Amino acid sequence: MAKCDVCGKTLSHGNQISIARSHVSRRATRTFKPNLRKIKAVVNGQTQTLHVCAKCLRARKIERA
């Protein structure tokens, strides 16, 4: 399962709307996945491989090794 090890961001669900976008458009469910990156980070003085979302990387919530 896709999950950020820092913030816990997981899959979210929504609707996929057709190109016509009219009131009677057909809708289908879709899944939004977090933008995860596999990085090496320092945790408690040890180097570990973590799955971290791009938002946490930009906010510098984790220290890279």
PDB file of N, CA and C in Angstrom:
ATOM      1  N   MET A   1       0.845  -1.180   0.000  1.00  0.00           N
ATOM      2  CA  MET A   1       0.000   0.000   0.000  1.00  0.00           C
ATOM      3  C   MET A   1       0.887   1.239   0.000  1.00  0.00           C
ATOM      4  N   ALA A   2       0.514   2.226  -0.801  1.00  0.00           N
ATOM      5  CA  ALA A   2       1.292   3.459  -0.891  1.00  0.00           C
ATOM      6  C   ALA A   2       1.014   4.325   0.324  1.00  0.00           C
ATOM      7  N   LYS A   3       2.072   4.620   1.103  1.00  0.00           N
ATOM      8  CA  LYS A   3       1.907   5.436   2.298  1.00  0.00           C
ATOM      9  C   LYS A   3       3.217   6.143   2.613  1.00  0.00           C
ATOM     10  N   CYS A   4       3.108   7.433   2.941  1.00  0.00           N
ATOM     11  CA  CYS A   4       4.283   8.221   3.326  1.00  0.00           C
ATOM     12  C   CYS A   4       4.663   7.851   4.759  1.00  0.00           C
ATOM     13  N   ASP A   5       5.952   7.565   4.989  1.00  0.00           N
ATOM     14  CA  ASP A   5       6.419   7.189   6.321  1.00  0.00           C
ATOM     15  C   ASP A   5       6.520   8.386   7.262  1.00  0.00           C
ATOM     16  N   VAL A   6       6.460   9.615   6.753  1.00  0.00           N
ATOM     17  CA  VAL A   6       6.583  10.808   7.585  1.00  0.00           C
ATOM     18  C   VAL A   6       5.212  11.332   8.004  1.00  0.00           C
ATOM     19  N   CYS A   7       4.357  11.644   7.017  1.00  0.00           N
ATOM     20  CA  CYS A   7       3.065  12.274   7.337  1.00  0.00           C
ATOM     21  C   CYS A   7       1.899  11.303   7.312  1.00  0.00           C
ATOM     22  N   GLY A   8       2.100  10.099   6.775  1.00  0.00           N
ATOM     23  CA  GLY A   8       1.031   9.109   6.751  1.00  0.00           C
ATOM     24  C   GLY A   8       0.048   9.276   5.603  1.00  0.00           C
ATOM     25  N   LYS A   9       0.390  10.084   4.609  1.00  0.00           N
ATOM     26  CA  LYS A   9      -0.498  10.298   3.463  1.00  0.00           C
ATOM     27  C   LYS A   9      -0.690   8.983   2.706  1.00  0.00           C
ATOM     28  N   THR A  10      -1.961   8.649   2.397  1.00  0.00           N
ATOM     29  CA  THR A  10      -2.275   7.393   1.717  1.00  0.00           C
ATOM     30  C   THR A  10      -3.122   7.675   0.477  1.00  0.00           C
ATOM     31  N   LEU A  11      -3.689   6.620  -0.077  1.00  0.00           N
ATOM     32  CA  LEU A  11      -4.553   6.735  -1.239  1.00  0.00           C
ATOM     33  C   LEU A  11      -5.793   7.548  -0.905  1.00  0.00           C
ATOM     34  N   SER A  12      -6.295   8.292  -1.892  1.00  0.00           N
ATOM     35  CA  SER A  12      -7.571   8.978  -1.740  1.00  0.00           C
ATOM     36  C   SER A  12      -8.399   8.686  -2.987  1.00  0.00           C
ATOM     37  N   HIS A  13      -9.701   8.782  -2.850  1.00  0.00           N
ATOM     38  CA  HIS A  13     -10.595   8.424  -3.941  1.00  0.00           C
ATOM     39  C   HIS A  13     -11.417   9.628  -4.366  1.00  0.00           C
ATOM     40  N   GLY A  14     -11.794   9.649  -5.653  1.00  0.00           N
ATOM     41  CA  GLY A  14     -12.599  10.736  -6.181  1.00  0.00           C
ATOM     42  C   GLY A  14     -13.299  10.288  -7.444  1.00  0.00           C
ATOM     43  N   ASN A  15     -13.812  11.246  -8.196  1.00  0.00           N
ATOM     44  CA  ASN A  15     -14.535  10.946  -9.428  1.00  0.00           C
ATOM     45  C   ASN A  15     -13.751  11.392 -10.644  1.00  0.00           C
ATOM     46  N   GLN A  16     -13.843  10.597 -11.706  1.00  0.00           N
ATOM     47  CA  GLN A  16     -13.268  10.957 -12.990  1.00  0.00           C
ATOM     48  C   GLN A  16     -14.441  11.397 -13.857  1.00  0.00           C
ATOM     49  N   ILE A  17     -14.433  12.656 -14.273  1.00  0.00           N
ATOM     50  CA  ILE A  17     -15.545  13.218 -15.023  1.00  0.00           C
ATOM     51  C   ILE A  17     -15.196  13.210 -16.501  1.00  0.00           C
ATOM     52  N   SER A  18     -16.192  12.949 -17.356  1.00  0.00           N
ATOM     53  CA  SER A  18     -15.943  12.866 -18.792  1.00  0.00           C
ATOM     54  C   SER A  18     -15.555  14.230 -19.352  1.00  0.00           C
ATOM     55  N   ILE A  19     -15.049  14.234 -20.566  1.00  0.00           N
ATOM     56  CA  ILE A  19     -14.547  15.452 -21.195  1.00  0.00           C
ATOM     57  C   ILE A  19     -15.676  16.456 -21.436  1.00  0.00           C
ATOM     58  N   ALA A  20     -16.899  15.984 -21.713  1.00  0.00           N
ATOM     59  CA  ALA A  20     -18.017  16.877 -22.026  1.00  0.00           C
ATOM     60  C   ALA A  20     -18.367  17.768 -20.837  1.00  0.00           C
ATOM     61  N   ARG A  21     -18.243  17.266 -19.612  1.00  0.00           N
ATOM     62  CA  ARG A  21     -18.508  18.003 -18.384  1.00  0.00           C
ATOM     63  C   ARG A  21     -19.926  18.590 -18.315  1.00  0.00           C
ATOM     64  N   SER A  22     -20.862  17.922 -18.925  1.00  0.00           N
ATOM     65  CA  SER A  22     -22.237  18.395 -18.833  1.00  0.00           C
ATOM     66  C   SER A  22     -22.875  17.877 -17.544  1.00  0.00           C
ATOM     67  N   HIS A  23     -24.078  18.344 -17.272  1.00  0.00           N
ATOM     68  CA  HIS A  23     -24.782  17.962 -16.034  1.00  0.00           C
ATOM     69  C   HIS A  23     -25.022  16.460 -15.967  1.00  0.00           C
ATOM     70  N   VAL A  24     -25.198  15.837 -17.106  1.00  0.00           N
ATOM     71  CA  VAL A  24     -25.520  14.411 -17.137  1.00  0.00           C
ATOM     72  C   VAL A  24     -24.295  13.553 -17.452  1.00  0.00           C
ATOM     73  N   SER A  25     -23.119  14.096 -17.220  1.00  0.00           N
ATOM     74  CA  SER A  25     -21.894  13.362 -17.534  1.00  0.00           C
ATOM     75  C   SER A  25     -21.809  12.068 -16.742  1.00  0.00           C
ATOM     76  N   ARG A  26     -21.205  11.077 -17.364  1.00  0.00           N
ATOM     77  CA  ARG A  26     -20.944   9.822 -16.680  1.00  0.00           C
ATOM     78  C   ARG A  26     -19.742  10.028 -15.773  1.00  0.00           C
ATOM     79  N   ARG A  27     -19.796   9.453 -14.610  1.00  0.00           N
ATOM     80  CA  ARG A  27     -18.682   9.577 -13.679  1.00  0.00           C
ATOM     81  C   ARG A  27     -18.179   8.192 -13.302  1.00  0.00           C
ATOM     82  N   ALA A  28     -16.895   8.090 -13.173  1.00  0.00           N
ATOM     83  CA  ALA A  28     -16.276   6.837 -12.760  1.00  0.00           C
ATOM     84  C   ALA A  28     -15.345   7.144 -11.593  1.00  0.00           C
ATOM     85  N   THR A  29     -15.241   6.231 -10.671  1.00  0.00           N
ATOM     86  CA  THR A  29     -14.350   6.466  -9.541  1.00  0.00           C
ATOM     87  C   THR A  29     -12.901   6.260  -9.975  1.00  0.00           C
ATOM     88  N   ARG A  30     -12.011   6.994  -9.340  1.00  0.00           N
ATOM     89  CA  ARG A  30     -10.587   6.830  -9.596  1.00  0.00           C
ATOM     90  C   ARG A  30      -9.833   6.960  -8.287  1.00  0.00           C
ATOM     91  N   THR A  31      -8.565   6.578  -8.310  1.00  0.00           N
ATOM     92  CA  THR A  31      -7.729   6.602  -7.120  1.00  0.00           C
ATOM     93  C   THR A  31      -6.582   7.577  -7.326  1.00  0.00           C
ATOM     94  N   PHE A  32      -6.351   8.437  -6.333  1.00  0.00           N
ATOM     95  CA  PHE A  32      -5.227   9.357  -6.344  1.00  0.00           C
ATOM     96  C   PHE A  32      -4.154   8.783  -5.431  1.00  0.00           C
ATOM     97  N   LYS A  33      -2.945   8.597  -5.975  1.00  0.00           N
ATOM     98  CA  LYS A  33      -1.848   8.043  -5.193  1.00  0.00           C
ATOM     99  C   LYS A  33      -0.892   9.167  -4.791  1.00  0.00           C
ATOM    100  N   PRO A  34      -0.294   9.081  -3.607  1.00  0.00           N
ATOM    101  CA  PRO A  34       0.673  10.105  -3.207  1.00  0.00           C
ATOM    102  C   PRO A  34       1.954   9.994  -4.040  1.00  0.00           C
ATOM    103  N   ASN A  35       2.620  11.113  -4.223  1.00  0.00           N
ATOM    104  CA  ASN A  35       3.855  11.177  -5.003  1.00  0.00           C
ATOM    105  C   ASN A  35       5.013  10.758  -4.100  1.00  0.00           C
ATOM    106  N   LEU A  36       5.257   9.449  -4.006  1.00  0.00           N
ATOM    107  CA  LEU A  36       6.260   8.916  -3.088  1.00  0.00           C
ATOM    108  C   LEU A  36       7.621   8.787  -3.740  1.00  0.00           C
ATOM    109  N   ARG A  37       8.653   9.044  -2.954  1.00  0.00           N
ATOM    110  CA  ARG A  37      10.043   8.880  -3.361  1.00  0.00           C
ATOM    111  C   ARG A  37      10.721   7.973  -2.352  1.00  0.00           C
ATOM    112  N   LYS A  38      11.594   7.102  -2.842  1.00  0.00           N
ATOM    113  CA  LYS A  38      12.336   6.204  -1.973  1.00  0.00           C
ATOM    114  C   LYS A  38      13.679   6.864  -1.675  1.00  0.00           C
ATOM    115  N   ILE A  39      13.894   7.242  -0.408  1.00  0.00           N
ATOM    116  CA  ILE A  39      15.114   7.964  -0.047  1.00  0.00           C
ATOM    117  C   ILE A  39      15.794   7.290   1.129  1.00  0.00           C
ATOM    118  N   LYS A  40      17.064   7.597   1.295  1.00  0.00           N
ATOM    119  CA  LYS A  40      17.798   7.170   2.478  1.00  0.00           C
ATOM    120  C   LYS A  40      17.833   8.353   3.431  1.00  0.00           C
ATOM    121  N   ALA A  41      17.414   8.119   4.671  1.00  0.00           N
ATOM    122  CA  ALA A  41      17.329   9.197   5.652  1.00  0.00           C
ATOM    123  C   ALA A  41      17.945   8.759   6.964  1.00  0.00           C
ATOM    124  N   VAL A  42      18.344   9.740   7.765  1.00  0.00           N
ATOM    125  CA  VAL A  42      18.910   9.467   9.082  1.00  0.00           C
ATOM    126  C   VAL A  42      17.779   9.482  10.105  1.00  0.00           C
ATOM    127  N   VAL A  43      17.558   8.339  10.759  1.00  0.00           N
ATOM    128  CA  VAL A  43      16.522   8.212  11.783  1.00  0.00           C
ATOM    129  C   VAL A  43      17.176   7.637  13.034  1.00  0.00           C
ATOM    130  N   ASN A  44      17.154   8.391  14.128  1.00  0.00           N
ATOM    131  CA  ASN A  44      17.766   7.968  15.395  1.00  0.00           C
ATOM    132  C   ASN A  44      19.240   7.610  15.222  1.00  0.00           C
ATOM    133  N   GLY A  45      19.946   8.364  14.384  1.00  0.00           N
ATOM    134  CA  GLY A  45      21.371   8.138  14.175  1.00  0.00           C
ATOM    135  C   GLY A  45      21.712   7.015  13.220  1.00  0.00           C
ATOM    136  N   GLN A  46      20.703   6.345  12.651  1.00  0.00           N
ATOM    137  CA  GLN A  46      20.934   5.256  11.717  1.00  0.00           C
ATOM    138  C   GLN A  46      20.347   5.604  10.363  1.00  0.00           C
ATOM    139  N   THR A  47      20.949   5.060   9.305  1.00  0.00           N
ATOM    140  CA  THR A  47      20.456   5.289   7.956  1.00  0.00           C
ATOM    141  C   THR A  47      19.390   4.255   7.625  1.00  0.00           C
ATOM    142  N   GLN A  48      18.220   4.731   7.178  1.00  0.00           N
ATOM    143  CA  GLN A  48      17.129   3.843   6.798  1.00  0.00           C
ATOM    144  C   GLN A  48      16.580   4.276   5.442  1.00  0.00           C
ATOM    145  N   THR A  49      15.994   3.325   4.714  1.00  0.00           N
ATOM    146  CA  THR A  49      15.320   3.634   3.473  1.00  0.00           C
ATOM    147  C   THR A  49      13.849   3.862   3.777  1.00  0.00           C
ATOM    148  N   LEU A  50      13.339   5.021   3.381  1.00  0.00           N
ATOM    149  CA  LEU A  50      11.961   5.399   3.670  1.00  0.00           C
ATOM    150  C   LEU A  50      11.238   5.770   2.387  1.00  0.00           C
ATOM    151  N   HIS A  51       9.914   5.623   2.407  1.00  0.00           N
ATOM    152  CA  HIS A  51       9.053   6.109   1.340  1.00  0.00           C
ATOM    153  C   HIS A  51       8.475   7.428   1.825  1.00  0.00           C
ATOM    154  N   VAL A  52       8.865   8.536   1.185  1.00  0.00           N
ATOM    155  CA  VAL A  52       8.476   9.867   1.623  1.00  0.00           C
ATOM    156  C   VAL A  52       7.821  10.595   0.461  1.00  0.00           C
ATOM    157  N   CYS A  53       6.722  11.309   0.740  1.00  0.00           N
ATOM    158  CA  CYS A  53       6.036  12.053  -0.319  1.00  0.00           C
ATOM    159  C   CYS A  53       6.841  13.307  -0.666  1.00  0.00           C
ATOM    160  N   ALA A  54       6.627  13.811  -1.873  1.00  0.00           N
ATOM    161  CA  ALA A  54       7.374  14.970  -2.364  1.00  0.00           C
ATOM    162  C   ALA A  54       7.097  16.210  -1.523  1.00  0.00           C
ATOM    163  N   LYS A  55       5.895  16.327  -0.975  1.00  0.00           N
ATOM    164  CA  LYS A  55       5.550  17.488  -0.158  1.00  0.00           C
ATOM    165  C   LYS A  55       6.399  17.531   1.111  1.00  0.00           C
ATOM    166  N   CYS A  56       6.632  16.381   1.741  1.00  0.00           N
ATOM    167  CA  CYS A  56       7.474  16.322   2.938  1.00  0.00           C
ATOM    168  C   CYS A  56       8.936  16.603   2.599  1.00  0.00           C
ATOM    169  N   LEU A  57       9.397  16.159   1.431  1.00  0.00           N
ATOM    170  CA  LEU A  57      10.769  16.434   1.021  1.00  0.00           C
ATOM    171  C   LEU A  57      10.989  17.925   0.806  1.00  0.00           C
ATOM    172  N   ARG A  58      10.030  18.596   0.145  1.00  0.00           N
ATOM    173  CA  ARG A  58      10.163  20.034  -0.096  1.00  0.00           C
ATOM    174  C   ARG A  58      10.114  20.831   1.203  1.00  0.00           C
ATOM    175  N   ALA A  59       9.323  20.350   2.171  1.00  0.00           N
ATOM    176  CA  ALA A  59       9.190  21.047   3.455  1.00  0.00           C
ATOM    177  C   ALA A  59      10.335  20.712   4.404  1.00  0.00           C
ATOM    178  N   ARG A  60      11.249  19.839   3.982  1.00  0.00           N
ATOM    179  CA  ARG A  60      12.409  19.409   4.767  1.00  0.00           C
ATOM    180  C   ARG A  60      11.996  18.842   6.124  1.00  0.00           C
ATOM    181  N   LYS A  61      10.982  17.976   6.104  1.00  0.00           N
ATOM    182  CA  LYS A  61      10.521  17.333   7.340  1.00  0.00           C
ATOM    183  C   LYS A  61      11.407  16.150   7.719  1.00  0.00           C
ATOM    184  N   ILE A  62      12.286  15.728   6.816  1.00  0.00           N
ATOM    185  CA  ILE A  62      13.160  14.582   7.070  1.00  0.00           C
ATOM    186  C   ILE A  62      14.573  14.950   6.598  1.00  0.00           C
ATOM    187  N   GLU A  63      15.575  14.446   7.294  1.00  0.00           N
ATOM    188  CA  GLU A  63      16.969  14.736   6.941  1.00  0.00           C
ATOM    189  C   GLU A  63      17.514  13.602   6.100  1.00  0.00           C
ATOM    190  N   ARG A  64      17.957  13.931   4.891  1.00  0.00           N
ATOM    191  CA  ARG A  64      18.507  12.911   3.991  1.00  0.00           C
ATOM    192  C   ARG A  64      19.895  12.482   4.455  1.00  0.00           C
ATOM    193  N   ALA A  65      20.245  11.242   4.134  1.00  0.00           N
ATOM    194  CA  ALA A  65      21.571  10.724   4.498  1.00  0.00           C
ATOM    195  C   ALA A  65      22.592  11.104   3.444  1.00  0.00           C
TER     196      ALA A  65
END
